[in-house]
PDB file of all heavy atoms in Angstrom:
ATOM      1  N   HIS A   1      -1.292  12.732  -7.534  1.00  0.00           N
ATOM      2  CA  HIS A   1      -1.152  11.297  -7.300  1.00  0.00           C
ATOM      3  C   HIS A   1      -2.034  10.856  -6.134  1.00  0.00           C
ATOM      4  O   HIS A   1      -2.145  11.551  -5.132  1.00  0.00           O
ATOM      5  CB  HIS A   1       0.299  10.937  -6.997  1.00  0.00           C
ATOM      6  CG  HIS A   1       1.202  11.121  -8.163  1.00  0.00           C
ATOM      7  ND1 HIS A   1       1.168  10.307  -9.274  1.00  0.00           N
ATOM      8  CD2 HIS A   1       2.166  12.036  -8.411  1.00  0.00           C
ATOM      9  CE1 HIS A   1       2.068  10.707 -10.143  1.00  0.00           C
ATOM     10  NE2 HIS A   1       2.679  11.763  -9.649  1.00  0.00           N
ATOM     11  N   VAL A   2      -2.626   9.686  -6.304  1.00  0.00           N
ATOM     12  CA  VAL A   2      -3.456   9.084  -5.268  1.00  0.00           C
ATOM     13  C   VAL A   2      -2.958   7.666  -5.038  1.00  0.00           C
ATOM     14  O   VAL A   2      -2.783   6.896  -5.985  1.00  0.00           O
ATOM     15  CB  VAL A   2      -4.946   9.059  -5.681  1.00  0.00           C
ATOM     16  CG1 VAL A   2      -5.783   8.377  -4.604  1.00  0.00           C
ATOM     17  CG2 VAL A   2      -5.462  10.459  -5.964  1.00  0.00           C
ATOM     18  N   ILE A   3      -2.732   7.344  -3.785  1.00  0.00           N
ATOM     19  CA  ILE A   3      -2.397   5.978  -3.400  1.00  0.00           C
ATOM     20  C   ILE A   3      -3.646   5.431  -2.725  1.00  0.00           C
ATOM     21  O   ILE A   3      -4.086   5.966  -1.715  1.00  0.00           O
ATOM     22  CB  ILE A   3      -1.193   5.951  -2.443  1.00  0.00           C
ATOM     23  CG1 ILE A   3       0.055   6.463  -3.162  1.00  0.00           C
ATOM     24  CG2 ILE A   3      -0.983   4.557  -1.874  1.00  0.00           C
ATOM     25  CD1 ILE A   3       1.254   6.666  -2.258  1.00  0.00           C
ATOM     26  N   SER A   4      -4.233   4.402  -3.306  1.00  0.00           N
ATOM     27  CA  SER A   4      -5.504   3.911  -2.768  1.00  0.00           C
ATOM     28  C   SER A   4      -5.380   2.477  -2.269  1.00  0.00           C
ATOM     29  O   SER A   4      -4.593   1.682  -2.785  1.00  0.00           O
ATOM     30  CB  SER A   4      -6.600   4.012  -3.826  1.00  0.00           C
ATOM     31  OG  SER A   4      -6.276   3.227  -4.946  1.00  0.00           O
ATOM     32  N   PHE A   5      -6.190   2.191  -1.266  1.00  0.00           N
ATOM     33  CA  PHE A   5      -6.208   0.871  -0.648  1.00  0.00           C
ATOM     34  C   PHE A   5      -7.612   0.646  -0.116  1.00  0.00           C
ATOM     35  O   PHE A   5      -8.203   1.537   0.486  1.00  0.00           O
ATOM     36  CB  PHE A   5      -5.200   0.808   0.501  1.00  0.00           C
ATOM     37  CG  PHE A   5      -4.931  -0.579   1.008  1.00  0.00           C
ATOM     38  CD1 PHE A   5      -3.861  -1.307   0.506  1.00  0.00           C
ATOM     39  CD2 PHE A   5      -5.736  -1.145   1.971  1.00  0.00           C
ATOM     40  CE1 PHE A   5      -3.601  -2.586   0.974  1.00  0.00           C
ATOM     41  CE2 PHE A   5      -5.493  -2.427   2.443  1.00  0.00           C
ATOM     42  CZ  PHE A   5      -4.415  -3.150   1.939  1.00  0.00           C
ATOM     43  N   ARG A   6      -8.164  -0.554  -0.350  1.00  0.00           N
ATOM     44  CA  ARG A   6      -9.516  -0.873   0.126  1.00  0.00           C
ATOM     45  C   ARG A   6      -9.485  -2.163   0.928  1.00  0.00           C
ATOM     46  O   ARG A   6      -8.965  -3.182   0.469  1.00  0.00           O
ATOM     47  CB  ARG A   6     -10.476  -1.008  -1.059  1.00  0.00           C
ATOM     48  CG  ARG A   6     -11.904  -1.332  -0.638  1.00  0.00           C
ATOM     49  CD  ARG A   6     -12.880  -1.225  -1.797  1.00  0.00           C
ATOM     50  NE  ARG A   6     -12.601  -2.095  -2.899  1.00  0.00           N
ATOM     51  CZ  ARG A   6     -13.123  -3.311  -3.073  1.00  0.00           C
ATOM     52  NH1 ARG A   6     -13.948  -3.816  -2.173  1.00  0.00           N
ATOM     53  NH2 ARG A   6     -12.825  -4.021  -4.130  1.00  0.00           N
ATOM     54  N   PHE A   7     -10.052  -2.110   2.118  1.00  0.00           N
ATOM     55  CA  PHE A   7     -10.199  -3.308   2.934  1.00  0.00           C
ATOM     56  C   PHE A   7     -11.469  -4.050   2.530  1.00  0.00           C
ATOM     57  O   PHE A   7     -12.392  -3.458   1.976  1.00  0.00           O
ATOM     58  CB  PHE A   7     -10.279  -2.945   4.433  1.00  0.00           C
ATOM     59  CG  PHE A   7      -8.962  -2.547   5.023  1.00  0.00           C
ATOM     60  CD1 PHE A   7      -8.697  -1.217   5.307  1.00  0.00           C
ATOM     61  CD2 PHE A   7      -7.988  -3.493   5.299  1.00  0.00           C
ATOM     62  CE1 PHE A   7      -7.481  -0.838   5.859  1.00  0.00           C
ATOM     63  CE2 PHE A   7      -6.764  -3.125   5.846  1.00  0.00           C
ATOM     64  CZ  PHE A   7      -6.517  -1.793   6.130  1.00  0.00           C
ATOM     65  N   ASP A   8     -11.501  -5.359   2.832  1.00  0.00           N
ATOM     66  CA  ASP A   8     -12.666  -6.187   2.520  1.00  0.00           C
ATOM     67  C   ASP A   8     -12.780  -7.248   3.606  1.00  0.00           C
ATOM     68  O   ASP A   8     -11.791  -7.917   3.934  1.00  0.00           O
ATOM     69  CB  ASP A   8     -12.476  -6.843   1.149  1.00  0.00           C
ATOM     70  CG  ASP A   8     -13.703  -7.585   0.671  1.00  0.00           C
ATOM     71  OD1 ASP A   8     -14.283  -8.371   1.449  1.00  0.00           O
ATOM     72  OD2 ASP A   8     -14.096  -7.384  -0.488  1.00  0.00           O
ATOM     73  N   ARG A   9     -13.961  -7.404   4.153  1.00  0.00           N
ATOM     74  CA  ARG A   9     -14.177  -8.372   5.242  1.00  0.00           C
ATOM     75  C   ARG A   9     -13.834  -9.805   4.831  1.00  0.00           C
ATOM     76  O   ARG A   9     -13.458 -10.617   5.666  1.00  0.00           O
ATOM     77  CB  ARG A   9     -15.636  -8.348   5.701  1.00  0.00           C
ATOM     78  CG  ARG A   9     -16.044  -7.123   6.428  1.00  0.00           C
ATOM     79  CD  ARG A   9     -17.466  -7.284   6.994  1.00  0.00           C
ATOM     80  NE  ARG A   9     -18.073  -6.014   7.332  1.00  0.00           N
ATOM     81  CZ  ARG A   9     -17.775  -5.304   8.401  1.00  0.00           C
ATOM     82  NH1 ARG A   9     -16.864  -5.726   9.225  1.00  0.00           N
ATOM     83  NH2 ARG A   9     -18.379  -4.154   8.628  1.00  0.00           N
ATOM     84  N   THR A  10     -13.991 -10.120   3.556  1.00  0.00           N
ATOM     85  CA  THR A  10     -13.805 -11.500   3.107  1.00  0.00           C
ATOM     86  C   THR A  10     -12.364 -11.823   2.715  1.00  0.00           C
ATOM     87  O   THR A  10     -12.059 -12.960   2.395  1.00  0.00           O
ATOM     88  CB  THR A  10     -14.724 -11.805   1.910  1.00  0.00           C
ATOM     89  OG1 THR A  10     -14.361 -10.956   0.819  1.00  0.00           O
ATOM     90  CG2 THR A  10     -16.190 -11.583   2.277  1.00  0.00           C
ATOM     91  N   GLU A  11     -11.500 -10.835   2.706  1.00  0.00           N
ATOM     92  CA  GLU A  11     -10.110 -11.041   2.285  1.00  0.00           C
ATOM     93  C   GLU A  11      -9.185 -11.015   3.499  1.00  0.00           C
ATOM     94  O   GLU A  11      -8.813  -9.949   3.987  1.00  0.00           O
ATOM     95  CB  GLU A  11      -9.694  -9.950   1.289  1.00  0.00           C
ATOM     96  CG  GLU A  11     -10.484  -9.945   0.013  1.00  0.00           C
ATOM     97  CD  GLU A  11     -10.117 -11.095  -0.898  1.00  0.00           C
ATOM     98  OE1 GLU A  11      -8.993 -11.623  -0.789  1.00  0.00           O
ATOM     99  OE2 GLU A  11     -10.951 -11.461  -1.737  1.00  0.00           O
ATOM    100  N   SER A  12      -8.802 -12.165   3.987  1.00  0.00           N
ATOM    101  CA  SER A  12      -7.991 -12.239   5.201  1.00  0.00           C
ATOM    102  C   SER A  12      -6.557 -11.747   4.987  1.00  0.00           C
ATOM    103  O   SER A  12      -5.866 -11.426   5.943  1.00  0.00           O
ATOM    104  CB  SER A  12      -7.969 -13.675   5.739  1.00  0.00           C
ATOM    105  OG  SER A  12      -7.390 -14.538   4.773  1.00  0.00           O
ATOM    106  N   THR A  13      -6.099 -11.675   3.733  1.00  0.00           N
ATOM    107  CA  THR A  13      -4.721 -11.226   3.474  1.00  0.00           C
ATOM    108  C   THR A  13      -4.609  -9.704   3.402  1.00  0.00           C
ATOM    109  O   THR A  13      -3.510  -9.165   3.331  1.00  0.00           O
ATOM    110  CB  THR A  13      -4.194 -11.816   2.152  1.00  0.00           C
ATOM    111  OG1 THR A  13      -5.042 -11.377   1.083  1.00  0.00           O
ATOM    112  CG2 THR A  13      -4.138 -13.325   2.209  1.00  0.00           C
ATOM    113  N   ILE A  14      -5.739  -9.021   3.398  1.00  0.00           N
ATOM    114  CA  ILE A  14      -5.716  -7.561   3.302  1.00  0.00           C
ATOM    115  C   ILE A  14      -5.733  -7.012   4.726  1.00  0.00           C
ATOM    116  O   ILE A  14      -6.780  -6.735   5.300  1.00  0.00           O
ATOM    117  CB  ILE A  14      -6.885  -7.039   2.447  1.00  0.00           C
ATOM    118  CG1 ILE A  14      -6.775  -7.645   1.056  1.00  0.00           C
ATOM    119  CG2 ILE A  14      -6.856  -5.524   2.371  1.00  0.00           C
ATOM    120  CD1 ILE A  14      -7.849  -7.235   0.111  1.00  0.00           C
ATOM    121  N   THR A  15      -4.541  -6.880   5.277  1.00  0.00           N
ATOM    122  CA  THR A  15      -4.350  -6.502   6.672  1.00  0.00           C
ATOM    123  C   THR A  15      -3.728  -5.116   6.769  1.00  0.00           C
ATOM    124  O   THR A  15      -3.360  -4.511   5.766  1.00  0.00           O
ATOM    125  CB  THR A  15      -3.404  -7.508   7.349  1.00  0.00           C
ATOM    126  OG1 THR A  15      -2.130  -7.424   6.692  1.00  0.00           O
ATOM    127  CG2 THR A  15      -3.938  -8.939   7.274  1.00  0.00           C
ATOM    128  N   THR A  16      -3.574  -4.655   7.994  1.00  0.00           N
ATOM    129  CA  THR A  16      -2.900  -3.383   8.242  1.00  0.00           C
ATOM    130  C   THR A  16      -1.479  -3.405   7.690  1.00  0.00           C
ATOM    131  O   THR A  16      -1.031  -2.441   7.070  1.00  0.00           O
ATOM    132  CB  THR A  16      -2.880  -3.084   9.755  1.00  0.00           C
ATOM    133  OG1 THR A  16      -4.225  -3.012  10.213  1.00  0.00           O
ATOM    134  CG2 THR A  16      -2.173  -1.788  10.052  1.00  0.00           C
ATOM    135  N   ASN A  17      -0.766  -4.493   7.892  1.00  0.00           N
ATOM    136  CA  ASN A  17       0.601  -4.585   7.378  1.00  0.00           C
ATOM    137  C   ASN A  17       0.622  -4.540   5.852  1.00  0.00           C
ATOM    138  O   ASN A  17       1.500  -3.914   5.251  1.00  0.00           O
ATOM    139  CB  ASN A  17       1.289  -5.845   7.894  1.00  0.00           C
ATOM    140  CG  ASN A  17       1.614  -5.741   9.371  1.00  0.00           C
ATOM    141  OD1 ASN A  17       1.460  -4.688   9.991  1.00  0.00           O
ATOM    142  ND2 ASN A  17       2.063  -6.836   9.956  1.00  0.00           N
ATOM    143  N   ALA A  18      -0.354  -5.173   5.206  1.00  0.00           N
ATOM    144  CA  ALA A  18      -0.438  -5.114   3.739  1.00  0.00           C
ATOM    145  C   ALA A  18      -0.692  -3.684   3.285  1.00  0.00           C
ATOM    146  O   ALA A  18      -0.117  -3.235   2.282  1.00  0.00           O
ATOM    147  CB  ALA A  18      -1.543  -6.040   3.235  1.00  0.00           C
ATOM    148  N   LEU A  19      -1.525  -2.961   4.020  1.00  0.00           N
ATOM    149  CA  LEU A  19      -1.782  -1.552   3.700  1.00  0.00           C
ATOM    150  C   LEU A  19      -0.493  -0.752   3.696  1.00  0.00           C
ATOM    151  O   LEU A  19      -0.161  -0.089   2.709  1.00  0.00           O
ATOM    152  CB  LEU A  19      -2.763  -0.950   4.722  1.00  0.00           C
ATOM    153  CG  LEU A  19      -2.795   0.577   4.806  1.00  0.00           C
ATOM    154  CD1 LEU A  19      -3.354   1.191   3.538  1.00  0.00           C
ATOM    155  CD2 LEU A  19      -3.585   1.019   6.034  1.00  0.00           C
ATOM    156  N   TRP A  20       0.256  -0.800   4.793  1.00  0.00           N
ATOM    157  CA  TRP A  20       1.454   0.049   4.891  1.00  0.00           C
ATOM    158  C   TRP A  20       2.567  -0.404   3.963  1.00  0.00           C
ATOM    159  O   TRP A  20       3.338   0.412   3.469  1.00  0.00           O
ATOM    160  CB  TRP A  20       1.902   0.167   6.346  1.00  0.00           C
ATOM    161  CG  TRP A  20       0.859   0.833   7.191  1.00  0.00           C
ATOM    162  CD1 TRP A  20       0.307   0.360   8.348  1.00  0.00           C
ATOM    163  CD2 TRP A  20       0.215   2.094   6.943  1.00  0.00           C
ATOM    164  NE1 TRP A  20      -0.642   1.244   8.818  1.00  0.00           N
ATOM    165  CE2 TRP A  20      -0.715   2.312   7.976  1.00  0.00           C
ATOM    166  CE3 TRP A  20       0.323   3.055   5.929  1.00  0.00           C
ATOM    167  CZ2 TRP A  20      -1.515   3.452   8.043  1.00  0.00           C
ATOM    168  CZ3 TRP A  20      -0.484   4.184   5.989  1.00  0.00           C
ATOM    169  CH2 TRP A  20      -1.386   4.376   7.036  1.00  0.00           C
ATOM    170  N   ARG A  21       2.645  -1.705   3.672  1.00  0.00           N
ATOM    171  CA  ARG A  21       3.627  -2.167   2.674  1.00  0.00           C
ATOM    172  C   ARG A  21       3.280  -1.627   1.292  1.00  0.00           C
ATOM    173  O   ARG A  21       4.149  -1.192   0.541  1.00  0.00           O
ATOM    174  CB  ARG A  21       3.681  -3.693   2.656  1.00  0.00           C
ATOM    175  CG  ARG A  21       4.408  -4.287   3.838  1.00  0.00           C
ATOM    176  CD  ARG A  21       4.507  -5.807   3.713  1.00  0.00           C
ATOM    177  NE  ARG A  21       5.333  -6.326   4.782  1.00  0.00           N
ATOM    178  CZ  ARG A  21       4.886  -7.146   5.735  1.00  0.00           C
ATOM    179  NH1 ARG A  21       3.625  -7.537   5.743  1.00  0.00           N
ATOM    180  NH2 ARG A  21       5.699  -7.562   6.671  1.00  0.00           N
ATOM    181  N   ALA A  22       1.988  -1.662   0.944  1.00  0.00           N
ATOM    182  CA  ALA A  22       1.554  -1.162  -0.363  1.00  0.00           C
ATOM    183  C   ALA A  22       1.785   0.346  -0.471  1.00  0.00           C
ATOM    184  O   ALA A  22       2.245   0.837  -1.509  1.00  0.00           O
ATOM    185  CB  ALA A  22       0.082  -1.491  -0.580  1.00  0.00           C
ATOM    186  N   VAL A  23       1.493   1.094   0.590  1.00  0.00           N
ATOM    187  CA  VAL A  23       1.713   2.540   0.583  1.00  0.00           C
ATOM    188  C   VAL A  23       3.196   2.843   0.409  1.00  0.00           C
ATOM    189  O   VAL A  23       3.576   3.693  -0.401  1.00  0.00           O
ATOM    190  CB  VAL A  23       1.141   3.197   1.862  1.00  0.00           C
ATOM    191  CG1 VAL A  23       1.607   4.645   1.997  1.00  0.00           C
ATOM    192  CG2 VAL A  23      -0.383   3.125   1.865  1.00  0.00           C
ATOM    193  N   ALA A  24       4.054   2.149   1.145  1.00  0.00           N
ATOM    194  CA  ALA A  24       5.505   2.371   1.037  1.00  0.00           C
ATOM    195  C   ALA A  24       5.994   2.074  -0.383  1.00  0.00           C
ATOM    196  O   ALA A  24       6.788   2.834  -0.948  1.00  0.00           O
ATOM    197  CB  ALA A  24       6.254   1.510   2.051  1.00  0.00           C
ATOM    198  N   CYS A  25       5.508   0.988  -0.960  1.00  0.00           N
ATOM    199  CA  CYS A  25       5.903   0.615  -2.322  1.00  0.00           C
ATOM    200  C   CYS A  25       5.462   1.685  -3.324  1.00  0.00           C
ATOM    201  O   CYS A  25       6.240   2.089  -4.196  1.00  0.00           O
ATOM    202  CB  CYS A  25       5.303  -0.740  -2.652  1.00  0.00           C
ATOM    203  SG  CYS A  25       5.887  -1.452  -4.189  1.00  0.00           S
ATOM    204  N   ASP A  26       4.240   2.167  -3.196  1.00  0.00           N
ATOM    205  CA  ASP A  26       3.744   3.204  -4.105  1.00  0.00           C
ATOM    206  C   ASP A  26       4.507   4.513  -3.936  1.00  0.00           C
ATOM    207  O   ASP A  26       4.790   5.204  -4.911  1.00  0.00           O
ATOM    208  CB  ASP A  26       2.251   3.442  -3.889  1.00  0.00           C
ATOM    209  CG  ASP A  26       1.381   2.370  -4.539  1.00  0.00           C
ATOM    210  OD1 ASP A  26       1.934   1.499  -5.230  1.00  0.00           O
ATOM    211  OD2 ASP A  26       0.156   2.411  -4.346  1.00  0.00           O
ATOM    212  N   LEU A  27       4.833   4.869  -2.701  1.00  0.00           N
ATOM    213  CA  LEU A  27       5.619   6.089  -2.469  1.00  0.00           C
ATOM    214  C   LEU A  27       6.990   5.976  -3.126  1.00  0.00           C
ATOM    215  O   LEU A  27       7.478   6.931  -3.743  1.00  0.00           O
ATOM    216  CB  LEU A  27       5.765   6.355  -0.966  1.00  0.00           C
ATOM    217  CG  LEU A  27       4.519   6.880  -0.266  1.00  0.00           C
ATOM    218  CD1 LEU A  27       4.688   6.800   1.247  1.00  0.00           C
ATOM    219  CD2 LEU A  27       4.218   8.309  -0.703  1.00  0.00           C
ATOM    220  N   ALA A  28       7.599   4.809  -3.018  1.00  0.00           N
ATOM    221  CA  ALA A  28       8.921   4.614  -3.635  1.00  0.00           C
ATOM    222  C   ALA A  28       8.833   4.645  -5.159  1.00  0.00           C
ATOM    223  O   ALA A  28       9.762   5.090  -5.826  1.00  0.00           O
ATOM    224  CB  ALA A  28       9.532   3.302  -3.151  1.00  0.00           C
ATOM    225  N   ARG A  29       7.718   4.193  -5.717  1.00  0.00           N
ATOM    226  CA  ARG A  29       7.536   4.288  -7.173  1.00  0.00           C
ATOM    227  C   ARG A  29       7.418   5.746  -7.612  1.00  0.00           C
ATOM    228  O   ARG A  29       7.923   6.127  -8.656  1.00  0.00           O
ATOM    229  CB  ARG A  29       6.287   3.527  -7.604  1.00  0.00           C
ATOM    230  CG  ARG A  29       6.477   2.036  -7.615  1.00  0.00           C
ATOM    231  CD  ARG A  29       5.263   1.344  -8.218  1.00  0.00           C
ATOM    232  NE  ARG A  29       5.436  -0.079  -8.124  1.00  0.00           N
ATOM    233  CZ  ARG A  29       4.612  -0.898  -7.489  1.00  0.00           C
ATOM    234  NH1 ARG A  29       3.534  -0.435  -6.906  1.00  0.00           N
ATOM    235  NH2 ARG A  29       4.844  -2.188  -7.444  1.00  0.00           N
ATOM    236  N   LEU A  30       6.728   6.540  -6.798  1.00  0.00           N
ATOM    237  CA  LEU A  30       6.570   7.963  -7.131  1.00  0.00           C
ATOM    238  C   LEU A  30       7.863   8.741  -6.930  1.00  0.00           C
ATOM    239  O   LEU A  30       8.153   9.667  -7.680  1.00  0.00           O
ATOM    240  CB  LEU A  30       5.483   8.592  -6.246  1.00  0.00           C
ATOM    241  CG  LEU A  30       4.051   8.220  -6.560  1.00  0.00           C
ATOM    242  CD1 LEU A  30       3.112   8.789  -5.503  1.00  0.00           C
ATOM    243  CD2 LEU A  30       3.652   8.739  -7.937  1.00  0.00           C
ATOM    244  N   TYR A  31       8.613   8.375  -5.905  1.00  0.00           N
ATOM    245  CA  TYR A  31       9.841   9.095  -5.545  1.00  0.00           C
ATOM    246  C   TYR A  31      10.990   8.094  -5.469  1.00  0.00           C
ATOM    247  O   TYR A  31      11.238   7.500  -4.425  1.00  0.00           O
ATOM    248  CB  TYR A  31       9.668   9.823  -4.205  1.00  0.00           C
ATOM    249  CG  TYR A  31       8.466  10.730  -4.202  1.00  0.00           C
ATOM    250  CD1 TYR A  31       7.301  10.379  -3.516  1.00  0.00           C
ATOM    251  CD2 TYR A  31       8.479  11.923  -4.921  1.00  0.00           C
ATOM    252  CE1 TYR A  31       6.191  11.210  -3.536  1.00  0.00           C
ATOM    253  CE2 TYR A  31       7.369  12.753  -4.942  1.00  0.00           C
ATOM    254  CZ  TYR A  31       6.232  12.389  -4.251  1.00  0.00           C
ATOM    255  OH  TYR A  31       5.133  13.208  -4.278  1.00  0.00           O
ATOM    256  N   PRO A  32      11.690   7.877  -6.599  1.00  0.00           N
ATOM    257  CA  PRO A  32      12.751   6.864  -6.638  1.00  0.00           C
ATOM    258  C   PRO A  32      13.812   7.029  -5.548  1.00  0.00           C
ATOM    259  O   PRO A  32      14.439   6.052  -5.159  1.00  0.00           O
ATOM    260  CB  PRO A  32      13.348   7.050  -8.034  1.00  0.00           C
ATOM    261  CG  PRO A  32      12.213   7.588  -8.851  1.00  0.00           C
ATOM    262  CD  PRO A  32      11.447   8.482  -7.909  1.00  0.00           C
ATOM    263  N   CYS A  33      13.974   8.238  -5.031  1.00  0.00           N
ATOM    264  CA  CYS A  33      14.950   8.440  -3.947  1.00  0.00           C
ATOM    265  C   CYS A  33      14.587   7.621  -2.701  1.00  0.00           C
ATOM    266  O   CYS A  33      15.452   7.334  -1.869  1.00  0.00           O
ATOM    267  CB  CYS A  33      15.067   9.922  -3.597  1.00  0.00           C
ATOM    268  SG  CYS A  33      13.519  10.648  -2.985  1.00  0.00           S
ATOM    269  N   LEU A  34      13.336   7.207  -2.583  1.00  0.00           N
ATOM    270  CA  LEU A  34      12.914   6.429  -1.419  1.00  0.00           C
ATOM    271  C   LEU A  34      13.252   4.945  -1.552  1.00  0.00           C
ATOM    272  O   LEU A  34      13.257   4.215  -0.566  1.00  0.00           O
ATOM    273  CB  LEU A  34      11.406   6.595  -1.187  1.00  0.00           C
ATOM    274  CG  LEU A  34      10.927   8.014  -0.911  1.00  0.00           C
ATOM    275  CD1 LEU A  34       9.415   8.023  -0.711  1.00  0.00           C
ATOM    276  CD2 LEU A  34      11.627   8.617   0.297  1.00  0.00           C
ATOM    277  N   TRP A  35      13.538   4.489  -2.791  1.00  0.00           N
ATOM    278  CA  TRP A  35      13.885   3.072  -2.977  1.00  0.00           C
ATOM    279  C   TRP A  35      15.108   2.693  -2.164  1.00  0.00           C
ATOM    280  O   TRP A  35      15.195   1.593  -1.642  1.00  0.00           O
ATOM    281  CB  TRP A  35      14.143   2.756  -4.451  1.00  0.00           C
ATOM    282  CG  TRP A  35      12.911   2.454  -5.229  1.00  0.00           C
ATOM    283  CD1 TRP A  35      12.432   3.150  -6.295  1.00  0.00           C
ATOM    284  CD2 TRP A  35      11.973   1.392  -5.007  1.00  0.00           C
ATOM    285  NE1 TRP A  35      11.265   2.596  -6.748  1.00  0.00           N
ATOM    286  CE2 TRP A  35      10.956   1.511  -5.976  1.00  0.00           C
ATOM    287  CE3 TRP A  35      11.894   0.356  -4.079  1.00  0.00           C
ATOM    288  CZ2 TRP A  35       9.885   0.630  -6.051  1.00  0.00           C
ATOM    289  CZ3 TRP A  35      10.823  -0.514  -4.157  1.00  0.00           C
ATOM    290  CH2 TRP A  35       9.834  -0.382  -5.125  1.00  0.00           C
TER     291      TRP A  35
END
């Protein structure tokens, strides 16, 4: 499994907090015990 995230200079909504929220969400999808 790979959890991927890409930043972009032109996208102001793609922040550090968005990164870690997306990673947490993907981890919970992979491991339902984390939900």
